[in-house]
C-alpha atoms as a PDB file:
ATOM      1  CA  MET A   1     113.275  96.830 109.668  1.00  0.00           C
ATOM      2  CA  ASN A   2     115.885  94.490 111.092  1.00  0.00           C
ATOM      3  CA  THR A   3     114.255  91.369 112.548  1.00  0.00           C
ATOM      4  CA  GLY A   4     117.249  89.550 113.987  1.00  0.00           C
ATOM      5  CA  PRO A   5     118.908  86.517 112.378  1.00  0.00           C
ATOM      6  CA  ASP A   6     116.308  86.323 109.587  1.00  0.00           C
ATOM      7  CA  ALA A   7     117.356  89.769 108.393  1.00  0.00           C
ATOM      8  CA  VAL A   8     120.718  88.237 107.489  1.00  0.00           C
ATOM      9  CA  ARG A   9     119.681  84.679 106.576  1.00  0.00           C
ATOM     10  CA  PRO A  10     116.157  84.545 105.129  1.00  0.00           C
ATOM     11  CA  THR A  11     114.341  81.276 105.775  1.00  0.00           C
ATOM     12  CA  SER A  12     111.507  81.486 103.262  1.00  0.00           C
ATOM     13  CA  HIS A  13     110.874  82.733  99.749  1.00  0.00           C
ATOM     14  CA  MET A  14     108.452  85.234 101.257  1.00  0.00           C
ATOM     15  CA  ARG A  15     111.185  86.728 103.449  1.00  0.00           C
ATOM     16  CA  MET A  16     113.594  86.919 100.524  1.00  0.00           C
ATOM     17  CA  GLU A  17     110.976  88.620  98.377  1.00  0.00           C
ATOM     18  CA  ILE A  18     110.253  91.159 101.108  1.00  0.00           C
ATOM     19  CA  ALA A  19     113.954  92.047 100.971  1.00  0.00           C
ATOM     20  CA  GLU A  20     113.800  92.344  97.161  1.00  0.00           C
ATOM     21  CA  GLN A  21     111.248  95.148  97.288  1.00  0.00           C
ATOM     22  CA  PRO A  22     113.653  98.116  97.143  1.00  0.00           C
ATOM     23  CA  ALA A  23     115.142  96.851  93.873  1.00  0.00           C
ATOM     24  CA  ALA A  24     111.723  95.977  92.476  1.00  0.00           C
ATOM     25  CA  LEU A  25     110.395  99.415  93.356  1.00  0.00           C
ATOM     26  CA  ARG A  26     113.370 101.218  91.815  1.00  0.00           C
ATOM     27  CA  ALA A  27     112.968  99.288  88.579  1.00  0.00           C
ATOM     28  CA  THR A  28     109.207  99.869  88.501  1.00  0.00           C
ATOM     29  CA  ILE A  29     109.434 103.596  89.203  1.00  0.00           C
ATOM     30  CA  ASP A  30     112.203 104.009  86.615  1.00  0.00           C
ATOM     31  CA  ALA A  31     110.102 102.173  84.024  1.00  0.00           C
ATOM     32  CA  LEU A  32     106.735 103.800  84.690  1.00  0.00           C
ATOM     33  CA  LEU A  33     107.333 107.359  85.874  1.00  0.00           C
ATOM     34  CA  PRO A  34     108.416 108.537  82.397  1.00  0.00           C
ATOM     35  CA  ARG A  35     105.073 107.197  81.112  1.00  0.00           C
ATOM     36  CA  ALA A  36     102.867 109.429  83.252  1.00  0.00           C
ATOM     37  CA  ALA A  37     102.199 111.596  80.199  1.00  0.00           C
ATOM     38  CA  GLU A  38     100.711 108.575  78.399  1.00  0.00           C
ATOM     39  CA  THR A  39      98.155 108.302  81.177  1.00  0.00           C
ATOM     40  CA  ALA A  40      97.304 111.977  80.823  1.00  0.00           C
ATOM     41  CA  ALA A  41      96.725 111.536  77.093  1.00  0.00           C
ATOM     42  CA  LEU A  42      94.594 108.419  77.542  1.00  0.00           C
ATOM     43  CA  ALA A  43      92.474 110.020  80.270  1.00  0.00           C
ATOM     44  CA  ARG A  44      92.053 113.401  78.583  1.00  0.00           C
ATOM     45  CA  ASP A  45      88.315 113.022  77.951  1.00  0.00           C
ATOM     46  CA  THR A  46      87.510 111.073  81.107  1.00  0.00           C
ATOM     47  CA  ARG A  47      86.269 112.309  84.471  1.00  0.00           C
ATOM     48  CA  GLN A  48      86.063 109.200  86.678  1.00  0.00           C
ATOM     49  CA  VAL A  49      88.251 106.181  87.471  1.00  0.00           C
ATOM     50  CA  LEU A  50      86.855 102.664  87.896  1.00  0.00           C
ATOM     51  CA  PHE A  51      89.157 100.070  89.462  1.00  0.00           C
ATOM     52  CA  ILE A  52      88.774  96.382  88.578  1.00  0.00           C
ATOM     53  CA  ALA A  53      90.578  93.923  90.851  1.00  0.00           C
ATOM     54  CA  ARG A  54      90.368  90.993  93.256  1.00  0.00           C
ATOM     55  CA  GLY A  55      92.260  89.958  96.400  1.00  0.00           C
ATOM     56  CA  THR A  56      95.542  91.740  97.057  1.00  0.00           C
ATOM     57  CA  SER A  57      95.059  93.784  93.893  1.00  0.00           C
ATOM     58  CA  ASP A  58      91.728  94.970  95.302  1.00  0.00           C
ATOM     59  CA  ASN A  59      93.564  96.249  98.383  1.00  0.00           C
ATOM     60  CA  ALA A  60      95.980  98.087  96.101  1.00  0.00           C
ATOM     61  CA  ALA A  61      92.990  99.608  94.299  1.00  0.00           C
ATOM     62  CA  VAL A  62      91.736 101.008  97.622  1.00  0.00           C
ATOM     63  CA  TYR A  63      94.993 102.979  97.827  1.00  0.00           C
ATOM     64  CA  GLY A  64      94.524 104.176  94.254  1.00  0.00           C
ATOM     65  CA  SER A  65      90.965 105.260  94.979  1.00  0.00           C
ATOM     66  CA  TYR A  66      91.927 107.356  98.012  1.00  0.00           C
ATOM     67  CA  LEU A  67      94.996 108.791  96.294  1.00  0.00           C
ATOM     68  CA  ILE A  68      93.161 109.903  93.162  1.00  0.00           C
ATOM     69  CA  GLN A  69      90.198 111.352  95.025  1.00  0.00           C
ATOM     70  CA  ALA A  70      92.351 113.161  97.597  1.00  0.00           C
ATOM     71  CA  HIS A  71      94.982 114.503  95.205  1.00  0.00           C
ATOM     72  CA  ALA A  72      93.758 114.336  91.590  1.00  0.00           C
ATOM     73  CA  GLY A  73      90.243 115.642  92.128  1.00  0.00           C
ATOM     74  CA  ARG A  74      88.490 112.769  90.356  1.00  0.00           C
ATOM     75  CA  LEU A  75      85.842 110.396  91.610  1.00  0.00           C
ATOM     76  CA  ALA A  76      87.358 106.904  91.867  1.00  0.00           C
ATOM     77  CA  THR A  77      85.424 103.749  92.740  1.00  0.00           C
ATOM     78  CA  LEU A  78      85.910  99.983  92.910  1.00  0.00           C
ATOM     79  CA  ALA A  79      83.989  97.935  90.370  1.00  0.00           C
ATOM     80  CA  SER A  80      81.612  95.111  91.242  1.00  0.00           C
ATOM     81  CA  VAL A  81      83.175  92.546  88.924  1.00  0.00           C
ATOM     82  CA  SER A  82      80.131  90.285  88.969  1.00  0.00           C
ATOM     83  CA  ILE A  83      78.087  92.996  87.221  1.00  0.00           C
ATOM     84  CA  ALA A  84      80.168  92.197  84.147  1.00  0.00           C
ATOM     85  CA  THR A  85      80.880  88.491  84.597  1.00  0.00           C
ATOM     86  CA  THR A  86      77.728  87.120  86.260  1.00  0.00           C
ATOM     87  CA  TYR A  87      74.911  89.591  85.637  1.00  0.00           C
ATOM     88  CA  ARG A  88      76.370  90.623  82.268  1.00  0.00           C
ATOM     89  CA  SER A  89      74.756  94.021  82.561  1.00  0.00           C
ATOM     90  CA  ARG A  90      75.361  96.845  80.130  1.00  0.00           C
ATOM     91  CA  VAL A  91      76.548 100.044  81.866  1.00  0.00           C
ATOM     92  CA  ASP A  92      77.309 103.422  80.303  1.00  0.00           C
ATOM     93  CA  LEU A  93      81.041 103.914  80.992  1.00  0.00           C
ATOM     94  CA  SER A  94      81.640 106.852  78.684  1.00  0.00           C
ATOM     95  CA  GLY A  95      83.873 109.338  80.443  1.00  0.00           C
ATOM     96  CA  VAL A  96      85.404 106.583  82.581  1.00  0.00           C
ATOM     97  CA  LEU A  97      89.016 105.420  82.803  1.00  0.00           C
ATOM     98  CA  ALA A  98      88.808 101.739  83.758  1.00  0.00           C
ATOM     99  CA  VAL A  99      91.954 100.474  85.522  1.00  0.00           C
ATOM    100  CA  ALA A 100      92.385  96.723  85.981  1.00  0.00           C
ATOM    101  CA  LEU A 101      94.949  95.284  88.382  1.00  0.00           C
ATOM    102  CA  SER A 102      96.173  91.689  88.295  1.00  0.00           C
ATOM    103  CA  GLN A 103      99.611  90.570  89.384  1.00  0.00           C
ATOM    104  CA  SER A 104      99.725  87.670  86.936  1.00  0.00           C
ATOM    105  CA  GLY A 105      97.652  89.242  84.161  1.00  0.00           C
ATOM    106  CA  GLN A 106      96.010  85.847  83.749  1.00  0.00           C
ATOM    107  CA  THR A 107      92.911  86.058  85.952  1.00  0.00           C
ATOM    108  CA  GLU A 108      90.079  85.412  83.546  1.00  0.00           C
ATOM    109  CA  GLU A 109      87.382  87.448  85.286  1.00  0.00           C
ATOM    110  CA  ILE A 110      89.636  90.519  85.363  1.00  0.00           C
ATOM    111  CA  ILE A 111      90.396  90.134  81.648  1.00  0.00           C
ATOM    112  CA  GLU A 112      86.692  89.659  80.950  1.00  0.00           C
ATOM    113  CA  THR A 113      85.763  92.715  83.015  1.00  0.00           C
ATOM    114  CA  ILE A 114      88.279  95.103  81.444  1.00  0.00           C
ATOM    115  CA  THR A 115      87.070  93.928  78.025  1.00  0.00           C
ATOM    116  CA  TRP A 116      83.484  94.577  79.168  1.00  0.00           C
ATOM    117  CA  ALA A 117      84.465  98.061  80.364  1.00  0.00           C
ATOM    118  CA  ARG A 118      86.027  98.870  76.998  1.00  0.00           C
ATOM    119  CA  ASP A 119      82.908  97.632  75.210  1.00  0.00           C
ATOM    120  CA  CYS A 120      80.799  99.842  77.498  1.00  0.00           C
ATOM    121  CA  GLY A 121      82.731 102.931  76.382  1.00  0.00           C
ATOM    122  CA  ALA A 122      85.576 103.232  78.903  1.00  0.00           C
ATOM    123  CA  ARG A 123      89.196 104.024  78.201  1.00  0.00           C
ATOM    124  CA  THR A 124      91.265 101.169  79.624  1.00  0.00           C
ATOM    125  CA  LEU A 125      94.566 100.822  81.471  1.00  0.00           C
ATOM    126  CA  VAL A 126      95.983  97.745  83.187  1.00  0.00           C
ATOM    127  CA  ILE A 127      98.603  97.301  85.908  1.00  0.00           C
ATOM    128  CA  THR A 128     100.233  93.887  85.995  1.00  0.00           C
ATOM    129  CA  ASN A 129     103.511  92.126  86.683  1.00  0.00           C
ATOM    130  CA  GLY A 130     102.821  89.800  83.770  1.00  0.00           C
ATOM    131  CA  ALA A 131     104.588  91.202  80.716  1.00  0.00           C
ATOM    132  CA  GLY A 132     102.958  89.845  77.578  1.00  0.00           C
ATOM    133  CA  SER A 133     100.051  88.417  79.578  1.00  0.00           C
ATOM    134  CA  PRO A 134      96.520  88.301  78.149  1.00  0.00           C
ATOM    135  CA  LEU A 135      95.556  91.282  80.298  1.00  0.00           C
ATOM    136  CA  THR A 136      98.096  93.516  78.605  1.00  0.00           C
ATOM    137  CA  GLU A 137      96.520  92.712  75.247  1.00  0.00           C
ATOM    138  CA  ALA A 138      93.038  93.700  76.440  1.00  0.00           C
ATOM    139  CA  ALA A 139      93.670  97.373  77.233  1.00  0.00           C
ATOM    140  CA  ASP A 140      94.560 100.671  75.616  1.00  0.00           C
ATOM    141  CA  LEU A 141      97.601 101.064  77.866  1.00  0.00           C
ATOM    142  CA  ALA A 142      99.565  98.626  80.050  1.00  0.00           C
ATOM    143  CA  PHE A 143     101.741  99.486  83.048  1.00  0.00           C
ATOM    144  CA  VAL A 144     103.977  96.468  83.646  1.00  0.00           C
ATOM    145  CA  THR A 145     105.576  96.424  87.073  1.00  0.00           C
ATOM    146  CA  GLN A 146     109.124  95.159  87.466  1.00  0.00           C
ATOM    147  CA  ALA A 147     108.822  92.899  90.493  1.00  0.00           C
ATOM    148  CA  GLY A 148     110.315  89.855  88.840  1.00  0.00           C
ATOM    149  CA  ALA A 149     109.208  86.318  89.652  1.00  0.00           C
ATOM    150  CA  GLU A 150     107.406  85.882  92.956  1.00  0.00           C
ATOM    151  CA  ARG A 151     107.576  82.316  94.285  1.00  0.00           C
ATOM    152  CA  ALA A 152     105.731  82.720  97.582  1.00  0.00           C
ATOM    153  CA  VAL A 153     101.950  82.608  97.231  1.00  0.00           C
ATOM    154  CA  PRO A 154     101.376  85.603  99.570  1.00  0.00           C
ATOM    155  CA  ALA A 155     102.089  88.686  97.464  1.00  0.00           C
ATOM    156  CA  THR A 156     104.733  91.083  98.746  1.00  0.00           C
ATOM    157  CA  LYS A 157     106.772  92.821  96.069  1.00  0.00           C
ATOM    158  CA  THR A 158     103.982  92.566  93.496  1.00  0.00           C
ATOM    159  CA  PHE A 159     101.736  94.497  95.913  1.00  0.00           C
ATOM    160  CA  THR A 160     104.154  97.323  96.669  1.00  0.00           C
ATOM    161  CA  THR A 161     105.062  97.743  92.995  1.00  0.00           C
ATOM    162  CA  GLN A 162     101.332  97.988  92.213  1.00  0.00           C
ATOM    163  CA  LEU A 163     101.118 100.848  94.706  1.00  0.00           C
ATOM    164  CA  ALA A 164     104.048 102.552  92.996  1.00  0.00           C
ATOM    165  CA  ALA A 165     102.291 102.161  89.630  1.00  0.00           C
ATOM    166  CA  LEU A 166      99.151 103.720  91.126  1.00  0.00           C
ATOM    167  CA  ALA A 167     101.216 106.657  92.374  1.00  0.00           C
ATOM    168  CA  VAL A 168     102.425 107.179  88.796  1.00  0.00           C
ATOM    169  CA  LEU A 169      98.809 106.928  87.623  1.00  0.00           C
ATOM    170  CA  ALA A 170      97.779 109.672  90.050  1.00  0.00           C
ATOM    171  CA  ILE A 171     100.586 111.918  88.833  1.00  0.00           C
ATOM    172  CA  GLY A 172      99.513 111.280  85.251  1.00  0.00           C
ATOM    173  CA  LEU A 173      95.960 112.260  86.174  1.00  0.00           C
ATOM    174  CA  GLY A 174      97.150 115.662  87.348  1.00  0.00           C
ATOM    175  CA  ALA A 175      97.720 115.141  91.070  1.00  0.00           C
ATOM    176  CA  ASP A 176      99.900 117.856  92.541  1.00  0.00           C
ATOM    177  CA  LEU A 177     102.430 115.406  93.911  1.00  0.00           C
ATOM    178  CA  ASP A 178     106.226 115.428  93.786  1.00  0.00           C
ATOM    179  CA  PRO A 179     107.689 112.651  91.595  1.00  0.00           C
ATOM    180  CA  GLY A 180     110.971 113.143  93.410  1.00  0.00           C
ATOM    181  CA  GLN A 181     109.357 111.921  96.612  1.00  0.00           C
ATOM    182  CA  LEU A 182     108.239 108.778  94.800  1.00  0.00           C
ATOM    183  CA  ARG A 183     111.841 108.116  93.801  1.00  0.00           C
ATOM    184  CA  GLU A 184     112.806 108.191  97.496  1.00  0.00           C
ATOM    185  CA  VAL A 185     110.492 105.296  98.376  1.00  0.00           C
ATOM    186  CA  PRO A 186     112.933 102.425  97.599  1.00  0.00           C
ATOM    187  CA  SER A 187     115.543 103.830  99.984  1.00  0.00           C
ATOM    188  CA  ALA A 188     112.944 104.187 102.744  1.00  0.00           C
ATOM    189  CA  ILE A 189     111.882 100.565 102.212  1.00  0.00           C
ATOM    190  CA  GLU A 190     115.506  99.450 102.146  1.00  0.00           C
ATOM    191  CA  GLU A 191     116.053 101.000 105.549  1.00  0.00           C
ATOM    192  CA  MET A 192     113.130  98.984 106.883  1.00  0.00           C
ATOM    193  CA  VAL A 193     114.152  95.575 105.545  1.00  0.00           C
ATOM    194  CA  VAL A 194     117.943  95.626 105.783  1.00  0.00           C
ATOM    195  CA  GLY A 195     118.861  98.757 107.709  1.00  0.00           C
ATOM    196  CA  THR A 196     118.809  99.829 111.329  1.00  0.00           C
ATOM    197  CA  ALA A 197     115.408 101.528 111.554  1.00  0.00           C
ATOM    198  CA  ALA A 198     114.346  99.140 114.338  1.00  0.00           C
ATOM    199  CA  GLU A 199     115.973  97.067 117.022  1.00  0.00           C
ATOM    200  CA  PRO A 200     115.961  93.273 116.469  1.00  0.00           C
ATOM    201  CA  SER A 201     113.727  92.906 119.519  1.00  0.00           C
ATOM    202  CA  ASP A 202     110.834  94.922 118.029  1.00  0.00           C
ATOM    203  CA  LEU A 203     109.185  92.063 116.175  1.00  0.00           C
ATOM    204  CA  ASP A 204     109.676  89.070 118.466  1.00  0.00           C
ATOM    205  CA  PRO A 205     107.442  90.155 121.383  1.00  0.00           C
ATOM    206  CA  ILE A 206     104.538  90.876 119.027  1.00  0.00           C
ATOM    207  CA  VAL A 207     105.003  87.538 117.266  1.00  0.00           C
ATOM    208  CA  THR A 208     105.055  85.747 120.621  1.00  0.00           C
ATOM    209  CA  GLU A 209     101.847  87.422 121.784  1.00  0.00           C
ATOM    210  CA  LEU A 210      99.986  86.959 118.485  1.00  0.00           C
ATOM    211  CA  ALA A 211     100.949  83.269 118.429  1.00  0.00           C
ATOM    212  CA  GLY A 212      98.469  82.735 121.254  1.00  0.00           C
ATOM    213  CA  VAL A 213      95.384  84.372 119.683  1.00  0.00           C
ATOM    214  CA  GLN A 214      92.801  83.160 117.198  1.00  0.00           C
ATOM    215  CA  GLY A 215      91.738  86.524 115.844  1.00  0.00           C
ATOM    216  CA  VAL A 216      92.911  90.089 115.354  1.00  0.00           C
ATOM    217  CA  VAL A 217      91.454  93.362 114.105  1.00  0.00           C
ATOM    218  CA  VAL A 218      93.593  95.408 111.709  1.00  0.00           C
ATOM    219  CA  SER A 219      92.496  99.013 111.345  1.00  0.00           C
ATOM    220  CA  GLY A 220      93.501 102.166 109.519  1.00  0.00           C
ATOM    221  CA  ARG A 221      91.787 104.986 107.683  1.00  0.00           C
ATOM    222  CA  GLY A 222      92.212 106.994 104.509  1.00  0.00           C
ATOM    223  CA  LEU A 223      95.325 106.190 102.529  1.00  0.00           C
ATOM    224  CA  ALA A 224      96.544 103.800 105.258  1.00  0.00           C
ATOM    225  CA  TYR A 225      93.340 101.761 104.994  1.00  0.00           C
ATOM    226  CA  SER A 226      94.763  99.819 102.044  1.00  0.00           C
ATOM    227  CA  ALA A 227      97.744  98.672 104.130  1.00  0.00           C
ATOM    228  CA  ALA A 228      95.406  97.576 106.943  1.00  0.00           C
ATOM    229  CA  LEU A 229      93.294  95.543 104.533  1.00  0.00           C
ATOM    230  CA  GLU A 230      96.362  93.959 102.983  1.00  0.00           C
ATOM    231  CA  LEU A 231      97.894  93.052 106.348  1.00  0.00           C
ATOM    232  CA  ALA A 232      94.621  91.427 107.427  1.00  0.00           C
ATOM    233  CA  LEU A 233      94.607  89.399 104.205  1.00  0.00           C
ATOM    234  CA  LYS A 234      98.210  88.290 104.740  1.00  0.00           C
ATOM    235  CA  LEU A 235      97.466  87.158 108.296  1.00  0.00           C
ATOM    236  CA  LYS A 236      94.527  85.128 106.996  1.00  0.00           C
ATOM    237  CA  GLU A 237      96.522  83.598 104.142  1.00  0.00           C
ATOM    238  CA  ALA A 238      99.778  82.706 105.862  1.00  0.00           C
ATOM    239  CA  CYS A 239      98.842  82.442 109.560  1.00  0.00           C
ATOM    240  CA  TYR A 240      95.223  81.250 109.333  1.00  0.00           C
ATOM    241  CA  LEU A 241      94.109  83.943 111.764  1.00  0.00           C
ATOM    242  CA  HIS A 242      90.580  85.321 111.822  1.00  0.00           C
ATOM    243  CA  ALA A 243      91.810  88.793 110.832  1.00  0.00           C
ATOM    244  CA  MET A 244      89.325  91.605 110.246  1.00  0.00           C
ATOM    245  CA  GLY A 245      90.580  94.489 108.112  1.00  0.00           C
ATOM    246  CA  ILE A 246      88.389  97.506 108.748  1.00  0.00           C
ATOM    247  CA  SER A 247      88.399 101.291 108.682  1.00  0.00           C
ATOM    248  CA  TYR A 248      88.521 102.675 112.192  1.00  0.00           C
ATOM    249  CA  ALA A 249      85.440 104.763 111.401  1.00  0.00           C
ATOM    250  CA  ASP A 250      83.505 101.564 110.642  1.00  0.00           C
ATOM    251  CA  LEU A 251      85.091  99.802 113.598  1.00  0.00           C
ATOM    252  CA  LEU A 252      83.715 102.404 116.004  1.00  0.00           C
ATOM    253  CA  HIS A 253      80.192 101.860 114.672  1.00  0.00           C
ATOM    254  CA  GLY A 254      79.875  98.495 116.382  1.00  0.00           C
ATOM    255  CA  PRO A 255      82.505  95.874 115.506  1.00  0.00           C
ATOM    256  CA  ILE A 256      84.888  97.305 118.126  1.00  0.00           C
ATOM    257  CA  ALA A 257      82.975  95.048 120.512  1.00  0.00           C
ATOM    258  CA  VAL A 258      85.041  92.137 119.179  1.00  0.00           C
ATOM    259  CA  VAL A 259      88.267  93.734 120.457  1.00  0.00           C
ATOM    260  CA  ASP A 260      88.990  92.291 123.893  1.00  0.00           C
ATOM    261  CA  ALA A 261      91.697  90.601 125.913  1.00  0.00           C
ATOM    262  CA  GLN A 262      91.714  87.676 123.461  1.00  0.00           C
ATOM    263  CA  THR A 263      91.397  89.742 120.264  1.00  0.00           C
ATOM    264  CA  PRO A 264      94.029  92.465 119.910  1.00  0.00           C
ATOM    265  CA  ALA A 265      94.083  95.284 117.391  1.00  0.00           C
ATOM    266  CA  ILE A 266      96.823  96.281 114.972  1.00  0.00           C
ATOM    267  CA  VAL A 267      96.487  99.970 114.116  1.00  0.00           C
ATOM    268  CA  VAL A 268      98.174 101.384 111.025  1.00  0.00           C
ATOM    269  CA  ALA A 269      98.907 105.024 110.205  1.00  0.00           C
ATOM    270  CA  ALA A 270     101.323 107.299 108.411  1.00  0.00           C
ATOM    271  CA  ASN A 271     103.577 109.417 110.612  1.00  0.00           C
ATOM    272  CA  SER A 272     101.562 112.503 109.634  1.00  0.00           C
ATOM    273  CA  GLY A 273      98.298 113.399 107.971  1.00  0.00           C
ATOM    274  CA  PRO A 274      94.638 113.995 108.848  1.00  0.00           C
ATOM    275  CA  THR A 275      93.875 110.442 110.005  1.00  0.00           C
ATOM    276  CA  LEU A 276      96.662 110.190 112.589  1.00  0.00           C
ATOM    277  CA  ASP A 277      94.717 111.792 115.460  1.00  0.00           C
ATOM    278  CA  GLY A 278      91.835 109.347 115.061  1.00  0.00           C
ATOM    279  CA  THR A 279      94.194 106.378 114.928  1.00  0.00           C
ATOM    280  CA  VAL A 280      95.878 107.470 118.161  1.00  0.00           C
ATOM    281  CA  ASP A 281      92.448 107.818 119.796  1.00  0.00           C
ATOM    282  CA  LEU A 282      91.530 104.314 118.600  1.00  0.00           C
ATOM    283  CA  ALA A 283      94.680 102.821 120.124  1.00  0.00           C
ATOM    284  CA  ARG A 284      93.883 104.523 123.436  1.00  0.00           C
ATOM    285  CA  ARG A 285      90.330 103.205 123.334  1.00  0.00           C
ATOM    286  CA  VAL A 286      91.590  99.669 122.667  1.00  0.00           C
ATOM    287  CA  THR A 287      94.087  99.679 125.527  1.00  0.00           C
ATOM    288  CA  GLY A 288      91.586 101.418 127.798  1.00  0.00           C
ATOM    289  CA  ALA A 289      89.230  98.484 127.261  1.00  0.00           C
ATOM    290  CA  GLY A 290      91.899  96.036 128.440  1.00  0.00           C
ATOM    291  CA  ALA A 291      92.890  94.822 124.966  1.00  0.00           C
ATOM    292  CA  ARG A 292      96.295  94.997 123.339  1.00  0.00           C
ATOM    293  CA  ALA A 293      97.054  97.508 120.600  1.00  0.00           C
ATOM    294  CA  TYR A 294     100.009  97.094 118.268  1.00  0.00           C
ATOM    295  CA  ALA A 295     101.046 100.111 116.217  1.00  0.00           C
ATOM    296  CA  ILE A 296     102.538 100.116 112.750  1.00  0.00           C
ATOM    297  CA  GLY A 297     103.722 103.581 111.836  1.00  0.00           C
ATOM    298  CA  GLY A 298     102.156 106.679 113.327  1.00  0.00           C
ATOM    299  CA  GLY A 299     105.394 107.920 114.841  1.00  0.00           C
ATOM    300  CA  SER A 300     105.967 108.405 118.562  1.00  0.00           C
ATOM    301  CA  ARG A 301     102.360 109.470 119.215  1.00  0.00           C
ATOM    302  CA  LEU A 302     100.839 106.196 118.059  1.00  0.00           C
ATOM    303  CA  ALA A 303     103.629 104.177 119.665  1.00  0.00           C
ATOM    304  CA  SER A 304     103.010 105.797 123.061  1.00  0.00           C
ATOM    305  CA  ALA A 305      99.269 105.039 122.818  1.00  0.00           C
ATOM    306  CA  SER A 306      99.892 101.358 122.028  1.00  0.00           C
ATOM    307  CA  ASN A 307     101.296  98.372 123.898  1.00  0.00           C
ATOM    308  CA  ARG A 308     103.964  97.683 121.295  1.00  0.00           C
ATOM    309  CA  ALA A 309     104.983  99.353 118.055  1.00  0.00           C
ATOM    310  CA  LEU A 310     106.783  98.759 114.785  1.00  0.00           C
ATOM    311  CA  PRO A 311     108.147 101.904 113.137  1.00  0.00           C
ATOM    312  CA  GLY A 312     106.736 102.951 109.800  1.00  0.00           C
ATOM    313  CA  PRO A 313     108.504 104.559 106.858  1.00  0.00           C
ATOM    314  CA  GLU A 314     109.821 108.097 106.772  1.00  0.00           C
ATOM    315  CA  LEU A 315     107.572 109.011 103.863  1.00  0.00           C
ATOM    316  CA  PRO A 316     104.852 111.600 103.217  1.00  0.00           C
ATOM    317  CA  GLU A 317     101.308 110.375 103.773  1.00  0.00           C
ATOM    318  CA  TRP A 318     100.543 109.868 100.072  1.00  0.00           C
ATOM    319  CA  LEU A 319     103.384 107.345  99.791  1.00  0.00           C
ATOM    320  CA  ALA A 320     103.356 105.911 103.312  1.00  0.00           C
ATOM    321  CA  PRO A 321     101.172 102.856 102.488  1.00  0.00           C
ATOM    322  CA  ILE A 322     103.946 101.474 100.271  1.00  0.00           C
ATOM    323  CA  GLY A 323     106.122 101.297 103.357  1.00  0.00           C
ATOM    324  CA  LEU A 324     103.484 100.657 106.016  1.00  0.00           C
ATOM    325  CA  ILE A 325     102.760  97.199 104.659  1.00  0.00           C
ATOM    326  CA  VAL A 326     106.406  96.125 104.999  1.00  0.00           C
ATOM    327  CA  PRO A 327     106.417  95.676 108.816  1.00  0.00           C
ATOM    328  CA  GLY A 328     103.158  93.787 108.352  1.00  0.00           C
ATOM    329  CA  GLN A 329     104.753  91.492 105.799  1.00  0.00           C
ATOM    330  CA  LEU A 330     107.673  90.814 108.135  1.00  0.00           C
ATOM    331  CA  LEU A 331     105.291  90.194 111.015  1.00  0.00           C
ATOM    332  CA  THR A 332     103.206  87.788 108.931  1.00  0.00           C
ATOM    333  CA  GLU A 333     106.205  85.784 107.744  1.00  0.00           C
ATOM    334  CA  ALA A 334     107.705  85.509 111.228  1.00  0.00           C
ATOM    335  CA  LEU A 335     104.369  84.591 112.837  1.00  0.00           C
ATOM    336  CA  SER A 336     103.659  81.954 110.204  1.00  0.00           C
ATOM    337  CA  ARG A 337     106.942  80.225 110.922  1.00  0.00           C
ATOM    338  CA  ARG A 338     106.427  80.576 114.698  1.00  0.00           C
ATOM    339  CA  LEU A 339     103.125  78.744 114.261  1.00  0.00           C
ATOM    340  CA  GLY A 340     104.902  75.931 112.404  1.00  0.00           C
ATOM    341  CA  LEU A 341     103.391  76.888 109.042  1.00  0.00           C
ATOM    342  CA  ASP A 342     104.916  77.400 105.613  1.00  0.00           C
ATOM    343  CA  PRO A 343     104.444  81.063 104.641  1.00  0.00           C
ATOM    344  CA  ASP A 344     105.333  80.286 101.034  1.00  0.00           C
ATOM    345  CA  SER A 345     102.544  77.774 100.421  1.00  0.00           C
ATOM    346  CA  PRO A 346      99.383  78.407 102.450  1.00  0.00           C
ATOM    347  CA  ARG A 347      96.840  75.619 102.278  1.00  0.00           C
ATOM    348  CA  GLY A 348      94.183  75.887  99.608  1.00  0.00           C
ATOM    349  CA  LEU A 349      95.827  78.783  97.748  1.00  0.00           C
ATOM    350  CA  SER A 350      97.632  79.159  94.428  1.00  0.00           C
ATOM    351  CA  LYS A 351      99.357  82.066  92.758  1.00  0.00           C
ATOM    352  CA  VAL A 352      96.616  82.588  90.181  1.00  0.00           C
ATOM    353  CA  THR A 353      93.000  82.382  91.348  1.00  0.00           C
ATOM    354  CA  GLN A 354      90.190  81.820  88.873  1.00  0.00           C
ATOM    355  CA  THR A 355      86.614  82.524  89.981  1.00  0.00           C
ATOM    356  CA  ALA A 356      83.756  80.627  88.429  1.00  0.00           C
END
């Protein structure tokens, strides 16, 4: 997605790292796709997947959970890390493949929890950008993403390469998915960050309007839910907005009352798939209530139901979240600077978070 002058002359490490994602994804897919068979061997006697993660990695795990359940026919759940680290409970994890995600590979509670899972009988796999990190030493198998150094605190390329690693994991677990489509993802992302998939004017009006609000709801469902959660987190981290990431099914059960003229909604969807109809209906409900709806992805149908739209990637639904987050990253970086903030160094945050 071309965003005007910044597409040519990045003004932050975050913006530069957004532009580095095609190369990072190519390197990661080239490194990990040939290892799908290792996953199959490790998981041979397992029947369930347990994801262990925090923060951005937790949002990536949501994608992995939907992908594996929808396409690999296995139950996949997110772990409650405190069961291992605070309650120190013993749980029977025989028949479980425990998958820990940590960009740095240094987060102590994630290392402690994957070790706990192994001691409780699970097979263990980790996904990290930290080659040689303590996390890689704690598991049966390590998938090391190839994002390179990430200087901005808000994760961009480490998130999308985690999603690519999870796509390889799903293929290794027997999902009937085309690896060739996965290899097309970097080119689709490249078109969004340096190509001509959008006019330069697409981003600026949304940035201008969001600069005047205190809160926003970010909603998606199914596979796109992970991108909605991650965008909400980015808006909190870099723009200090009260951003609620929520499934549109949950939103309709009551919290939609917070969407009004002062609290717009960003709705996220792949260009096709079973959740698109509901997302279009949500956008219509938002605008019908007098609030603003901004679309990311969803093709012409979602764009026509919304006040403004940013195009999503030309990717099948199972891979769309890798691209859907990219317009959100660009939006976050541009809004942060419009607000006079530093998107690279949000207050109170560091690259590695340790939880007591």
